[in-house]
Amino acid sequence: MKTYFTLGKEEVFLTTGIYVTTLNTSVNATCSNGEPYATLTVNLNKLEDPSLAYLNVNLFGIDVEEFFVKNGLAVKVEGREQQSGHINYPLYRLNLNKLVNYEEE
């Protein structure tokens, strides 16, 4: 059974994946009806550890940082962010054990 979270106004479950170009970890939210909701990470440059990810803070009306921290899914890596266009994406250390367990429940 999957674990569901409220994200914005949707009930979603989370899955992890791998970006093919960098092998970085991606975190994806899917609606309870199976429809894709959002990719919560962005693929900017190759990172040194699979537990590191840039959070997609460019989702309209959703505080992705608060969502990850409040649910114990990640902690911010202070002083590290990556700019792309006009957005600075913060780097977080994901709690991969917790994320994978949510996929399997």
Protein backbone atom coordinates (compact mmCIF):
# COMPACT_ATOMS: atom_id res chain seq x y z
CA MET A 1 0.00 0.00 0.00
CA LYS A 2 1.34 3.44 -0.95
CA THR A 3 1.62 6.36 1.45
CA TYR A 4 -0.34 9.43 0.35
CA PHE A 5 0.50 13.07 1.03
CA THR A 6 -1.36 16.30 0.48
CA LEU A 7 0.55 18.43 -2.01
CA GLY A 8 -1.18 21.63 -3.02
CA LYS A 9 -4.80 20.52 -3.30
CA GLU A 10 -4.03 16.97 -4.43
CA GLU A 11 -3.55 13.66 -2.66
CA VAL A 12 -0.35 12.19 -4.13
CA PHE A 13 2.08 9.36 -3.66
CA LEU A 14 5.81 9.68 -4.33
CA THR A 15 8.18 7.63 -6.44
CA THR A 16 11.87 7.97 -7.16
CA GLY A 17 13.68 7.58 -10.44
CA ILE A 18 16.96 8.37 -12.13
CA TYR A 19 17.68 11.13 -14.63
CA VAL A 20 19.35 9.38 -17.57
CA THR A 21 21.75 12.21 -18.46
CA THR A 22 23.26 12.71 -14.98
CA LEU A 23 22.16 9.64 -13.00
CA ASN A 24 20.80 12.02 -10.33
CA THR A 25 17.77 10.96 -8.30
CA SER A 26 14.37 12.32 -9.27
CA VAL A 27 11.32 12.48 -7.02
CA ASN A 28 7.92 12.40 -8.68
CA ALA A 29 4.40 12.97 -7.34
CA THR A 30 1.49 11.02 -8.80
CA CYS A 31 -2.20 11.68 -8.08
CA SER A 32 -4.21 9.00 -6.32
CA ASN A 33 -5.94 8.23 -9.64
CA GLY A 34 -2.56 7.43 -11.25
CA GLU A 35 -2.20 10.65 -13.23
CA PRO A 36 1.23 12.34 -13.05
CA TYR A 37 1.14 15.46 -10.85
CA ALA A 38 4.65 16.95 -10.80
CA THR A 39 8.34 16.24 -10.78
CA LEU A 40 9.53 17.65 -7.46
CA THR A 41 13.22 17.76 -8.38
CA VAL A 42 15.14 19.31 -11.28
CA ASN A 43 18.07 17.89 -13.23
CA LEU A 44 20.68 20.64 -13.47
CA ASN A 45 24.18 19.19 -13.13
CA LYS A 46 25.68 15.89 -12.05
CA LEU A 47 25.75 15.57 -8.27
CA GLU A 48 28.30 13.64 -6.22
CA ASP A 49 25.80 11.55 -4.25
CA PRO A 50 22.45 9.92 -5.17
CA SER A 51 20.88 11.35 -2.02
CA LEU A 52 21.38 14.92 -3.28
CA ALA A 53 18.75 16.67 -5.39
CA TYR A 54 17.76 20.17 -6.41
CA LEU A 55 14.14 20.81 -5.42
CA ASN A 56 11.77 22.23 -8.00
CA VAL A 57 10.80 25.47 -6.28
CA ASN A 58 9.21 26.70 -9.52
CA LEU A 59 5.86 24.92 -8.98
CA PHE A 60 3.12 27.54 -8.88
CA GLY A 61 1.45 27.75 -5.49
CA ILE A 62 3.33 24.83 -3.90
CA ASP A 63 6.06 25.22 -1.28
CA VAL A 64 8.12 22.15 -2.17
CA GLU A 65 10.78 22.94 0.42
CA GLU A 66 8.20 23.05 3.22
CA PHE A 67 6.63 19.81 1.94
CA PHE A 68 9.95 17.90 2.03
CA VAL A 69 11.04 19.26 5.42
CA LYS A 70 7.62 18.90 7.12
CA ASN A 71 7.38 15.26 6.02
CA GLY A 72 10.98 14.41 6.97
CA LEU A 73 11.86 13.63 3.36
CA ALA A 74 14.93 15.88 3.03
CA VAL A 75 17.15 18.46 4.71
CA LYS A 76 18.61 21.53 3.07
CA VAL A 77 22.31 21.61 2.19
CA GLU A 78 23.13 25.14 3.33
CA GLY A 79 25.03 27.34 0.92
CA ARG A 80 24.42 25.21 -2.16
CA GLU A 81 22.01 26.11 -4.91
CA GLN A 82 22.06 26.20 -8.69
CA GLN A 83 20.68 28.95 -10.86
CA SER A 84 18.79 28.15 -14.03
CA GLY A 85 17.15 31.06 -15.79
CA HIS A 86 15.74 33.37 -13.13
CA ILE A 87 15.29 30.62 -10.50
CA ASN A 88 17.77 29.53 -7.81
CA TYR A 89 17.15 25.86 -7.03
CA PRO A 90 18.18 24.79 -3.50
CA LEU A 91 20.11 21.58 -2.94
CA TYR A 92 18.66 19.06 -0.47
CA ARG A 93 19.82 15.75 0.95
CA LEU A 94 16.98 13.29 0.43
CA ASN A 95 15.99 10.69 3.00
CA LEU A 96 16.09 7.92 0.38
CA ASN A 97 15.25 5.16 2.86
CA LYS A 98 12.02 6.91 3.76
CA LEU A 99 11.14 7.71 0.14
CA VAL A 100 11.68 4.11 -1.00
CA ASN A 101 9.63 2.76 1.92
CA TYR A 102 6.76 5.04 0.89
CA GLU A 103 6.85 3.52 -2.60
CA GLU A 104 6.60 -0.02 -1.22
CA GLU A 105 3.92 0.49 1.43
